[in-house]
C-alpha atoms as a PDB file:
ATOM      1  CA  MET A   1     122.216  76.826 100.977  1.00  0.00           C
ATOM      2  CA  THR A   2     122.707  75.016  97.504  1.00  0.00           C
ATOM      3  CA  ASP A   3     123.760  76.682  94.338  1.00  0.00           C
ATOM      4  CA  SER A   4     121.152  77.241  91.556  1.00  0.00           C
ATOM      5  CA  PRO A   5     121.074  74.837  88.577  1.00  0.00           C
ATOM      6  CA  LEU A   6     124.188  75.469  86.301  1.00  0.00           C
ATOM      7  CA  PRO A   7     123.241  77.392  83.250  1.00  0.00           C
ATOM      8  CA  ARG A   8     124.579  77.176  79.747  1.00  0.00           C
ATOM      9  CA  ARG A   9     125.628  80.494  78.317  1.00  0.00           C
ATOM     10  CA  ARG A  10     126.383  81.295  74.664  1.00  0.00           C
ATOM     11  CA  ARG A  11     126.558  85.019  74.200  1.00  0.00           C
ATOM     12  CA  PHE A  12     129.089  87.221  76.129  1.00  0.00           C
ATOM     13  CA  LEU A  13     130.101  90.793  76.201  1.00  0.00           C
ATOM     14  CA  LEU A  14     133.764  91.212  76.936  1.00  0.00           C
ATOM     15  CA  ILE A  15     134.960  94.116  79.065  1.00  0.00           C
ATOM     16  CA  ASP A  16     138.727  93.909  78.451  1.00  0.00           C
ATOM     17  CA  ASN A  17     141.367  96.265  79.919  1.00  0.00           C
ATOM     18  CA  PRO A  18     144.286  95.816  77.405  1.00  0.00           C
ATOM     19  CA  THR A  19     146.686  97.621  79.789  1.00  0.00           C
ATOM     20  CA  SER A  20     146.083  95.098  82.535  1.00  0.00           C
ATOM     21  CA  GLY A  21     147.886  91.961  83.250  1.00  0.00           C
ATOM     22  CA  TYR A  22     151.772  92.060  83.210  1.00  0.00           C
ATOM     23  CA  GLY A  23     152.703  89.063  81.170  1.00  0.00           C
ATOM     24  CA  SER A  24     149.274  87.562  81.037  1.00  0.00           C
ATOM     25  CA  ARG A  25     147.675  88.657  77.966  1.00  0.00           C
ATOM     26  CA  ARG A  26     147.771  85.238  76.457  1.00  0.00           C
ATOM     27  CA  LEU A  27     145.155  84.018  79.011  1.00  0.00           C
ATOM     28  CA  VAL A  28     142.574  86.219  77.412  1.00  0.00           C
ATOM     29  CA  ALA A  29     143.249  84.971  73.986  1.00  0.00           C
ATOM     30  CA  GLY A  30     143.068  81.420  75.163  1.00  0.00           C
ATOM     31  CA  VAL A  31     139.766  81.888  76.989  1.00  0.00           C
ATOM     32  CA  LEU A  32     138.275  83.483  73.800  1.00  0.00           C
ATOM     33  CA  ALA A  33     139.491  80.724  71.809  1.00  0.00           C
ATOM     34  CA  ALA A  34     138.073  77.960  74.081  1.00  0.00           C
ATOM     35  CA  LEU A  35     134.659  79.715  74.191  1.00  0.00           C
ATOM     36  CA  GLU A  36     134.510  80.200  70.384  1.00  0.00           C
ATOM     37  CA  ALA A  37     135.485  76.541  69.892  1.00  0.00           C
ATOM     38  CA  ARG A  38     132.323  75.690  71.945  1.00  0.00           C
ATOM     39  CA  GLY A  39     130.088  77.736  69.640  1.00  0.00           C
ATOM     40  CA  CYS A  40     129.911  80.723  71.757  1.00  0.00           C
ATOM     41  CA  VAL A  41     129.768  84.522  70.604  1.00  0.00           C
ATOM     42  CA  VAL A  42     131.916  87.015  72.377  1.00  0.00           C
ATOM     43  CA  GLU A  43     131.514  90.632  71.474  1.00  0.00           C
ATOM     44  CA  ARG A  44     133.412  93.768  72.647  1.00  0.00           C
ATOM     45  CA  PRO A  45     131.949  97.465  73.107  1.00  0.00           C
ATOM     46  CA  ALA A  46     132.710  99.630  70.045  1.00  0.00           C
ATOM     47  CA  ASP A  47     134.647 101.942  72.239  1.00  0.00           C
ATOM     48  CA  GLY A  48     136.975  99.802  74.364  1.00  0.00           C
ATOM     49  CA  ARG A  49     137.907 102.545  76.996  1.00  0.00           C
ATOM     50  CA  LEU A  50     136.971 101.397  80.391  1.00  0.00           C
ATOM     51  CA  GLU A  51     134.714 104.200  81.468  1.00  0.00           C
ATOM     52  CA  ARG A  52     132.891 103.998  78.052  1.00  0.00           C
ATOM     53  CA  ALA A  53     132.798 100.193  78.400  1.00  0.00           C
ATOM     54  CA  ARG A  54     131.032 100.755  81.684  1.00  0.00           C
ATOM     55  CA  VAL A  55     128.379 102.685  79.948  1.00  0.00           C
ATOM     56  CA  ALA A  56     128.030  99.948  77.300  1.00  0.00           C
ATOM     57  CA  THR A  57     127.655  97.347  80.039  1.00  0.00           C
ATOM     58  CA  MET A  58     124.788  99.254  81.525  1.00  0.00           C
ATOM     59  CA  ARG A  59     123.007  99.422  78.219  1.00  0.00           C
ATOM     60  CA  THR A  60     123.551  95.722  77.783  1.00  0.00           C
ATOM     61  CA  VAL A  61     121.822  94.924  80.961  1.00  0.00           C
ATOM     62  CA  ASP A  62     118.729  96.975  79.696  1.00  0.00           C
ATOM     63  CA  GLY A  63     118.904  95.273  76.321  1.00  0.00           C
ATOM     64  CA  ARG A  64     119.409  91.779  77.577  1.00  0.00           C
ATOM     65  CA  ALA A  65     121.323  90.958  74.387  1.00  0.00           C
ATOM     66  CA  PHE A  66     123.776  88.766  76.227  1.00  0.00           C
ATOM     67  CA  ASP A  67     123.797  85.829  78.761  1.00  0.00           C
ATOM     68  CA  ALA A  68     126.741  87.303  80.758  1.00  0.00           C
ATOM     69  CA  VAL A  69     129.444  89.928  80.804  1.00  0.00           C
ATOM     70  CA  ILE A  70     133.132  88.934  81.094  1.00  0.00           C
ATOM     71  CA  ALA A  71     135.507  91.230  82.818  1.00  0.00           C
ATOM     72  CA  ALA A  72     139.113  90.651  81.788  1.00  0.00           C
ATOM     73  CA  GLY A  73     141.640  92.596  83.810  1.00  0.00           C
ATOM     74  CA  GLY A  74     142.652  93.176  87.380  1.00  0.00           C
ATOM     75  CA  ASP A  75     140.601  94.161  90.320  1.00  0.00           C
ATOM     76  CA  GLY A  76     140.058  97.540  89.215  1.00  0.00           C
ATOM     77  CA  THR A  77     138.660  96.438  85.831  1.00  0.00           C
ATOM     78  CA  ILE A  78     136.424  93.943  87.561  1.00  0.00           C
ATOM     79  CA  ARG A  79     135.108  96.509  89.939  1.00  0.00           C
ATOM     80  CA  LEU A  80     134.123  98.720  87.038  1.00  0.00           C
ATOM     81  CA  ALA A  81     132.179  95.954  85.507  1.00  0.00           C
ATOM     82  CA  ALA A  82     130.640  95.026  88.730  1.00  0.00           C
ATOM     83  CA  ALA A  83     129.601  98.782  89.392  1.00  0.00           C
ATOM     84  CA  ALA A  84     127.821  98.820  86.020  1.00  0.00           C
ATOM     85  CA  LEU A  85     125.917  95.510  86.822  1.00  0.00           C
ATOM     86  CA  ARG A  86     125.134  96.321  90.485  1.00  0.00           C
ATOM     87  CA  GLY A  87     121.485  95.627  91.183  1.00  0.00           C
ATOM     88  CA  SER A  88     120.788  93.697  88.000  1.00  0.00           C
ATOM     89  CA  ASP A  89     120.606  89.878  87.696  1.00  0.00           C
ATOM     90  CA  MET A  90     123.061  89.887  84.722  1.00  0.00           C
ATOM     91  CA  ALA A  91     125.924  87.320  85.421  1.00  0.00           C
ATOM     92  CA  LEU A  92     129.518  88.654  85.613  1.00  0.00           C
ATOM     93  CA  GLY A  93     132.353  86.325  84.805  1.00  0.00           C
ATOM     94  CA  ILE A  94     135.980  86.958  85.281  1.00  0.00           C
ATOM     95  CA  VAL A  95     139.232  86.259  83.526  1.00  0.00           C
ATOM     96  CA  PRO A  96     141.857  87.315  86.101  1.00  0.00           C
ATOM     97  CA  LEU A  97     144.791  89.441  84.953  1.00  0.00           C
ATOM     98  CA  GLY A  98     146.534  92.234  86.768  1.00  0.00           C
ATOM     99  CA  THR A  99     149.646  91.981  89.100  1.00  0.00           C
ATOM    100  CA  GLY A 100     147.842  90.421  92.128  1.00  0.00           C
ATOM    101  CA  ASN A 101     144.072  89.889  91.347  1.00  0.00           C
ATOM    102  CA  VAL A 102     142.873  89.508  94.897  1.00  0.00           C
ATOM    103  CA  LEU A 103     139.425  88.334  93.636  1.00  0.00           C
ATOM    104  CA  ALA A 104     140.860  85.340  91.816  1.00  0.00           C
ATOM    105  CA  HIS A 105     142.636  84.131  95.019  1.00  0.00           C
ATOM    106  CA  GLU A 106     139.532  84.894  97.111  1.00  0.00           C
ATOM    107  CA  VAL A 107     137.137  82.743  95.102  1.00  0.00           C
ATOM    108  CA  GLY A 108     139.632  80.112  93.849  1.00  0.00           C
ATOM    109  CA  LEU A 109     139.302  80.811  90.020  1.00  0.00           C
ATOM    110  CA  PRO A 110     140.741  78.375  87.574  1.00  0.00           C
ATOM    111  CA  ARG A 111     143.949  79.654  86.143  1.00  0.00           C
ATOM    112  CA  THR A 112     143.890  77.798  82.812  1.00  0.00           C
ATOM    113  CA  PRO A 113     141.890  78.911  79.556  1.00  0.00           C
ATOM    114  CA  GLU A 114     139.928  75.701  79.427  1.00  0.00           C
ATOM    115  CA  GLY A 115     139.090  75.941  83.171  1.00  0.00           C
ATOM    116  CA  LEU A 116     137.839  79.495  82.899  1.00  0.00           C
ATOM    117  CA  ALA A 117     135.767  78.837  79.766  1.00  0.00           C
ATOM    118  CA  ASP A 118     134.162  75.833  81.388  1.00  0.00           C
ATOM    119  CA  LEU A 119     133.389  78.145  84.394  1.00  0.00           C
ATOM    120  CA  LEU A 120     132.027  80.834  82.257  1.00  0.00           C
ATOM    121  CA  LEU A 121     129.782  78.444  80.342  1.00  0.00           C
ATOM    122  CA  HIS A 122     128.452  76.360  83.409  1.00  0.00           C
ATOM    123  CA  GLY A 123     129.267  78.007  86.631  1.00  0.00           C
ATOM    124  CA  ALA A 124     126.601  79.133  89.053  1.00  0.00           C
ATOM    125  CA  ALA A 125     126.046  82.987  89.386  1.00  0.00           C
ATOM    126  CA  ARG A 126     125.789  83.772  93.048  1.00  0.00           C
ATOM    127  CA  PRO A 127     124.825  87.095  94.561  1.00  0.00           C
ATOM    128  CA  ILE A 128     127.529  89.068  96.183  1.00  0.00           C
ATOM    129  CA  ALA A 129     126.831  92.179  98.344  1.00  0.00           C
ATOM    130  CA  VAL A 130     129.191  95.044  97.478  1.00  0.00           C
ATOM    131  CA  GLY A 131     130.548  97.696  99.716  1.00  0.00           C
ATOM    132  CA  MET A 132     130.197 101.488  99.079  1.00  0.00           C
ATOM    133  CA  ALA A 133     132.825 104.181  99.759  1.00  0.00           C
ATOM    134  CA  ASN A 134     131.408 107.716  99.383  1.00  0.00           C
ATOM    135  CA  GLY A 135     128.734 106.200  97.119  1.00  0.00           C
ATOM    136  CA  GLU A 136     131.088 104.235  94.733  1.00  0.00           C
ATOM    137  CA  PRO A 137     130.810 100.384  94.760  1.00  0.00           C
ATOM    138  CA  PHE A 138     133.783  98.156  95.660  1.00  0.00           C
ATOM    139  CA  LEU A 139     134.050  94.268  95.840  1.00  0.00           C
ATOM    140  CA  LEU A 140     137.097  93.829  97.929  1.00  0.00           C
ATOM    141  CA  MET A 141     138.210  96.519 100.258  1.00  0.00           C
ATOM    142  CA  ALA A 142     138.712 100.142 100.998  1.00  0.00           C
ATOM    143  CA  GLY A 143     142.116 101.151 102.353  1.00  0.00           C
ATOM    144  CA  VAL A 144     142.989 104.478 104.168  1.00  0.00           C
ATOM    145  CA  GLY A 145     146.497 105.413 105.062  1.00  0.00           C
ATOM    146  CA  PHE A 146     149.483 103.274 104.233  1.00  0.00           C
ATOM    147  CA  ASP A 147     148.084 101.439 101.212  1.00  0.00           C
ATOM    148  CA  GLY A 148     146.310 104.619 100.063  1.00  0.00           C
ATOM    149  CA  HIS A 149     149.685 106.297  99.901  1.00  0.00           C
ATOM    150  CA  VAL A 150     151.269 103.432  97.945  1.00  0.00           C
ATOM    151  CA  ILE A 151     148.558 103.239  95.400  1.00  0.00           C
ATOM    152  CA  GLY A 152     148.438 106.963  95.006  1.00  0.00           C
ATOM    153  CA  ALA A 153     152.244 107.148  94.216  1.00  0.00           C
ATOM    154  CA  LEU A 154     152.225 104.085  91.983  1.00  0.00           C
ATOM    155  CA  ASP A 155     153.616 104.698  88.412  1.00  0.00           C
ATOM    156  CA  GLN A 156     150.842 102.741  86.325  1.00  0.00           C
ATOM    157  CA  ALA A 157     152.889 102.631  83.219  1.00  0.00           C
ATOM    158  CA  LEU A 158     155.839 101.179  85.124  1.00  0.00           C
ATOM    159  CA  LYS A 159     153.436  98.622  86.572  1.00  0.00           C
ATOM    160  CA  ARG A 160     152.318  97.593  83.081  1.00  0.00           C
ATOM    161  CA  ARG A 161     155.888  96.953  82.189  1.00  0.00           C
ATOM    162  CA  VAL A 162     157.526  95.259  85.169  1.00  0.00           C
ATOM    163  CA  GLY A 163     154.508  94.285  87.401  1.00  0.00           C
ATOM    164  CA  LYS A 164     154.798  93.983  91.118  1.00  0.00           C
ATOM    165  CA  VAL A 165     158.355  95.388  91.054  1.00  0.00           C
ATOM    166  CA  ALA A 166     156.725  98.737  90.356  1.00  0.00           C
ATOM    167  CA  TYR A 167     155.437  98.768  93.931  1.00  0.00           C
ATOM    168  CA  GLY A 168     159.075  98.987  95.398  1.00  0.00           C
ATOM    169  CA  VAL A 169     159.442 102.778  95.227  1.00  0.00           C
ATOM    170  CA  PRO A 170     155.943 103.671  96.435  1.00  0.00           C
ATOM    171  CA  VAL A 171     156.221 101.222  99.444  1.00  0.00           C
ATOM    172  CA  MET A 172     159.375 102.716 100.409  1.00  0.00           C
ATOM    173  CA  GLY A 173     157.953 106.191 100.185  1.00  0.00           C
ATOM    174  CA  ALA A 174     155.024 105.275 102.306  1.00  0.00           C
ATOM    175  CA  LEU A 175     157.253 103.665 104.954  1.00  0.00           C
ATOM    176  CA  ALA A 176     159.326 106.858 105.298  1.00  0.00           C
ATOM    177  CA  ARG A 177     156.123 108.914 105.751  1.00  0.00           C
ATOM    178  CA  SER A 178     154.858 109.796 109.087  1.00  0.00           C
ATOM    179  CA  ALA A 179     151.297 108.374 109.532  1.00  0.00           C
ATOM    180  CA  THR A 180     148.414 110.708 109.996  1.00  0.00           C
ATOM    181  CA  ARG A 181     146.203 109.688 112.969  1.00  0.00           C
ATOM    182  CA  LEU A 182     142.711 108.490 111.753  1.00  0.00           C
ATOM    183  CA  ALA A 183     139.497 109.002 113.667  1.00  0.00           C
ATOM    184  CA  VAL A 184     137.461 105.916 112.778  1.00  0.00           C
ATOM    185  CA  GLU A 185     133.737 105.514 113.767  1.00  0.00           C
ATOM    186  CA  ILE A 186     132.389 102.039 113.406  1.00  0.00           C
ATOM    187  CA  ASP A 187     128.644 101.506 113.868  1.00  0.00           C
ATOM    188  CA  GLY A 188     128.583 104.563 116.201  1.00  0.00           C
ATOM    189  CA  ILE A 189     131.659 103.538 118.205  1.00  0.00           C
ATOM    190  CA  ALA A 190     134.841 105.762 118.104  1.00  0.00           C
ATOM    191  CA  TYR A 191     138.245 104.093 117.360  1.00  0.00           C
ATOM    192  CA  ALA A 192     141.653 105.366 116.293  1.00  0.00           C
ATOM    193  CA  ALA A 193     144.139 104.039 113.868  1.00  0.00           C
ATOM    194  CA  ASP A 194     147.087 104.942 111.712  1.00  0.00           C
ATOM    195  CA  TRP A 195     146.023 102.647 108.960  1.00  0.00           C
ATOM    196  CA  ALA A 196     142.560 101.246 108.267  1.00  0.00           C
ATOM    197  CA  VAL A 197     141.316  98.705 105.812  1.00  0.00           C
ATOM    198  CA  ILE A 198     137.667  97.931 105.587  1.00  0.00           C
ATOM    199  CA  ALA A 199     137.418  94.551 104.106  1.00  0.00           C
ATOM    200  CA  ASN A 200     134.599  92.824 102.121  1.00  0.00           C
ATOM    201  CA  ALA A 201     136.934  89.979 101.305  1.00  0.00           C
ATOM    202  CA  ARG A 202     139.411  87.673 103.261  1.00  0.00           C
ATOM    203  CA  CYS A 203     142.408  88.146 100.858  1.00  0.00           C
ATOM    204  CA  TYR A 204     144.534  91.208 100.305  1.00  0.00           C
ATOM    205  CA  GLY A 205     147.413  92.050  97.804  1.00  0.00           C
ATOM    206  CA  GLY A 206     146.941  88.728  96.159  1.00  0.00           C
ATOM    207  CA  ALA A 207     146.758  85.648  98.297  1.00  0.00           C
ATOM    208  CA  PHE A 208     147.616  87.238 101.616  1.00  0.00           C
ATOM    209  CA  VAL A 209     145.061  86.775 104.361  1.00  0.00           C
ATOM    210  CA  LEU A 210     143.997  90.098 105.760  1.00  0.00           C
ATOM    211  CA  ALA A 211     140.716  89.376 107.589  1.00  0.00           C
ATOM    212  CA  GLU A 212     139.881  85.742 108.168  1.00  0.00           C
ATOM    213  CA  ARG A 213     136.300  86.409 109.087  1.00  0.00           C
ATOM    214  CA  ALA A 214     135.544  88.428 106.032  1.00  0.00           C
ATOM    215  CA  GLY A 215     134.275  87.062 102.728  1.00  0.00           C
ATOM    216  CA  LEU A 216     132.399  87.973  99.654  1.00  0.00           C
ATOM    217  CA  GLU A 217     129.532  85.645 100.769  1.00  0.00           C
ATOM    218  CA  GLN A 218     129.694  86.666 104.418  1.00  0.00           C
ATOM    219  CA  PRO A 219     127.421  89.219 105.913  1.00  0.00           C
ATOM    220  CA  GLY A 220     128.925  92.671 106.703  1.00  0.00           C
ATOM    221  CA  LEU A 221     132.408  94.112 106.521  1.00  0.00           C
ATOM    222  CA  VAL A 222     135.459  93.696 108.797  1.00  0.00           C
ATOM    223  CA  ALA A 223     137.440  96.796 109.755  1.00  0.00           C
ATOM    224  CA  VAL A 224     141.137  96.059 110.210  1.00  0.00           C
ATOM    225  CA  LEU A 225     142.509  98.976 112.319  1.00  0.00           C
ATOM    226  CA  ILE A 226     146.191  99.114 112.680  1.00  0.00           C
ATOM    227  CA  GLU A 227     148.242 101.288 114.945  1.00  0.00           C
ATOM    228  CA  THR A 228     151.960 101.886 114.049  1.00  0.00           C
ATOM    229  CA  ALA A 229     153.920 103.825 116.649  1.00  0.00           C
ATOM    230  CA  ASN A 230     157.009 103.855 114.507  1.00  0.00           C
ATOM    231  CA  ARG A 231     158.341 102.561 111.266  1.00  0.00           C
ATOM    232  CA  ARG A 232     159.714  99.492 112.741  1.00  0.00           C
ATOM    233  CA  GLU A 233     156.271  98.370 114.020  1.00  0.00           C
ATOM    234  CA  LEU A 234     154.820  99.030 110.558  1.00  0.00           C
ATOM    235  CA  VAL A 235     157.354  96.786 108.877  1.00  0.00           C
ATOM    236  CA  ALA A 236     156.684  94.023 111.402  1.00  0.00           C
ATOM    237  CA  THR A 237     152.988  94.428 110.718  1.00  0.00           C
ATOM    238  CA  LEU A 238     153.517  94.050 106.964  1.00  0.00           C
ATOM    239  CA  LEU A 239     155.832  90.987 107.640  1.00  0.00           C
ATOM    240  CA  ALA A 240     152.911  89.527 109.722  1.00  0.00           C
ATOM    241  CA  LEU A 241     150.545  90.079 106.921  1.00  0.00           C
ATOM    242  CA  ALA A 242     152.750  88.288 104.477  1.00  0.00           C
ATOM    243  CA  ARG A 243     153.098  85.297 106.925  1.00  0.00           C
ATOM    244  CA  GLY A 244     149.289  85.113 107.491  1.00  0.00           C
ATOM    245  CA  GLN A 245     149.697  86.169 111.168  1.00  0.00           C
ATOM    246  CA  LEU A 246     148.150  89.663 111.047  1.00  0.00           C
ATOM    247  CA  ALA A 247     145.403  88.762 113.560  1.00  0.00           C
ATOM    248  CA  THR A 248     148.100  87.755 116.163  1.00  0.00           C
ATOM    249  CA  ARG A 249     149.474  91.244 116.358  1.00  0.00           C
ATOM    250  CA  SER A 250     148.630  93.429 119.530  1.00  0.00           C
ATOM    251  CA  ASN A 251     148.612  96.568 117.351  1.00  0.00           C
ATOM    252  CA  VAL A 252     145.848  95.233 115.098  1.00  0.00           C
ATOM    253  CA  ARG A 253     142.186  95.180 115.928  1.00  0.00           C
ATOM    254  CA  MET A 254     139.499  93.438 113.781  1.00  0.00           C
ATOM    255  CA  VAL A 255     136.039  94.856 114.145  1.00  0.00           C
ATOM    256  CA  PRO A 256     132.991  93.578 112.241  1.00  0.00           C
ATOM    257  CA  CYS A 257     130.995  96.526 110.866  1.00  0.00           C
ATOM    258  CA  ALA A 258     128.073  97.591 108.753  1.00  0.00           C
ATOM    259  CA  ARG A 259     129.346 101.206 108.433  1.00  0.00           C
ATOM    260  CA  ALA A 260     132.566 103.012 109.026  1.00  0.00           C
ATOM    261  CA  THR A 261     133.375 106.658 108.711  1.00  0.00           C
ATOM    262  CA  ILE A 262     136.995 107.735 108.660  1.00  0.00           C
ATOM    263  CA  ARG A 263     138.320 111.199 109.119  1.00  0.00           C
ATOM    264  CA  ALA A 264     141.565 112.931 109.775  1.00  0.00           C
ATOM    265  CA  ASP A 265     142.950 116.424 110.508  1.00  0.00           C
ATOM    266  CA  ARG A 266     144.409 116.576 106.980  1.00  0.00           C
ATOM    267  CA  PRO A 267     143.453 114.593 103.734  1.00  0.00           C
ATOM    268  CA  VAL A 268     144.634 111.059 103.719  1.00  0.00           C
ATOM    269  CA  PRO A 269     144.568 109.034 100.511  1.00  0.00           C
ATOM    270  CA  VAL A 270     141.980 106.153 100.028  1.00  0.00           C
ATOM    271  CA  GLN A 271     142.130 103.199  97.690  1.00  0.00           C
ATOM    272  CA  ILE A 272     139.353 100.871  96.729  1.00  0.00           C
ATOM    273  CA  ASP A 273     139.997  97.559  95.071  1.00  0.00           C
ATOM    274  CA  GLY A 274     143.640  98.477  94.420  1.00  0.00           C
ATOM    275  CA  ASP A 275     142.884 101.808  92.611  1.00  0.00           C
ATOM    276  CA  ALA A 276     143.428 105.328  93.850  1.00  0.00           C
ATOM    277  CA  PHE A 277     140.098 106.759  94.738  1.00  0.00           C
ATOM    278  CA  ALA A 278     139.779 109.775  97.078  1.00  0.00           C
ATOM    279  CA  THR A 279     140.938 111.310 100.233  1.00  0.00           C
ATOM    280  CA  THR A 280     139.325 111.387 103.798  1.00  0.00           C
ATOM    281  CA  PRO A 281     136.689 111.969 104.897  1.00  0.00           C
ATOM    282  CA  VAL A 282     135.315 108.698 103.584  1.00  0.00           C
ATOM    283  CA  ASP A 283     131.974 106.939 104.528  1.00  0.00           C
ATOM    284  CA  ILE A 284     132.009 103.174 103.960  1.00  0.00           C
ATOM    285  CA  THR A 285     128.919 100.949 104.136  1.00  0.00           C
ATOM    286  CA  HIS A 286     127.886  97.420 103.306  1.00  0.00           C
ATOM    287  CA  GLY A 287     124.871  96.280 101.327  1.00  0.00           C
ATOM    288  CA  GLY A 288     125.142  98.640  98.375  1.00  0.00           C
ATOM    289  CA  GLY A 289     123.293  96.237  96.082  1.00  0.00           C
ATOM    290  CA  GLN A 290     124.362  92.955  94.771  1.00  0.00           C
ATOM    291  CA  VAL A 291     126.370  91.559  91.818  1.00  0.00           C
ATOM    292  CA  HIS A 292     125.875  88.104  90.415  1.00  0.00           C
ATOM    293  CA  LEU A 293     129.421  86.607  89.976  1.00  0.00           C
ATOM    294  CA  ILE A 294     130.104  83.406  88.036  1.00  0.00           C
ATOM    295  CA  LEU A 295     131.922  81.472  90.714  1.00  0.00           C
ATOM    296  CA  PRO A 296     133.341  77.925  91.226  1.00  0.00           C
ATOM    297  CA  PRO A 297     131.682  75.640  93.712  1.00  0.00           C
ATOM    298  CA  ARG A 298     132.173  76.660  97.321  1.00  0.00           C
ATOM    299  CA  ARG A 299     135.360  75.281  98.859  1.00  0.00           C
END
């Protein structure tokens, strides 16, 4: 498959999360300056709050007043913009902020204002199939168990001030917690796990490789099912993830899937794309429509 001819875009709607991006707000200003120097027009919704911006984005799709939407923020901000554009052919560009920004690592986005501006102007917009968790779209992953506990306990205000350091206390709290057994049904087959991540992307938590066979342009999802008999095994699993060796662990199972349903005897927190979302039960499917992301050439 070859990419479509590279378009030239001139008018953009910016969905900007001003609370996202520890130490990285200058990147947005640099990209905007580079676009304006090239004669582009960048507008913002009148109400900058994210949920209101989602509504403005949907209206933009209807009015076709812009060539593309830009989401400037972390993975959660990008997910909200993608949810608004799902099912349309409006292009979505990204200025990656946030403490990890998995999507930026997943697709190899440029990290300079000039590089990002050039990509927004000329990059091909390719269709990406999104996942759905209880009817809500996600681009990257849905996690149930350990990471759901971490995200649910995260102090967002502290995260804005100190970045990844803010994860320390929630991670220690999740490590101290006894895991709740999960009943996982994948395409009609029953499994058990203590922690489950249903991945639409290869990367996790930044540049860490979670599921080698997953990918935004790959068909289907990959269920990463982790059993942790004790705290020591959980720590060893996290270290294997950090080293890119998760798939070698005997307590980790990788299962391709189109649909996963996860239940537990008591509510277990769920995160999607790094944001607290819900608790079990959760029904996760692939093929919840497409989003046209402005992406670099395939590597």
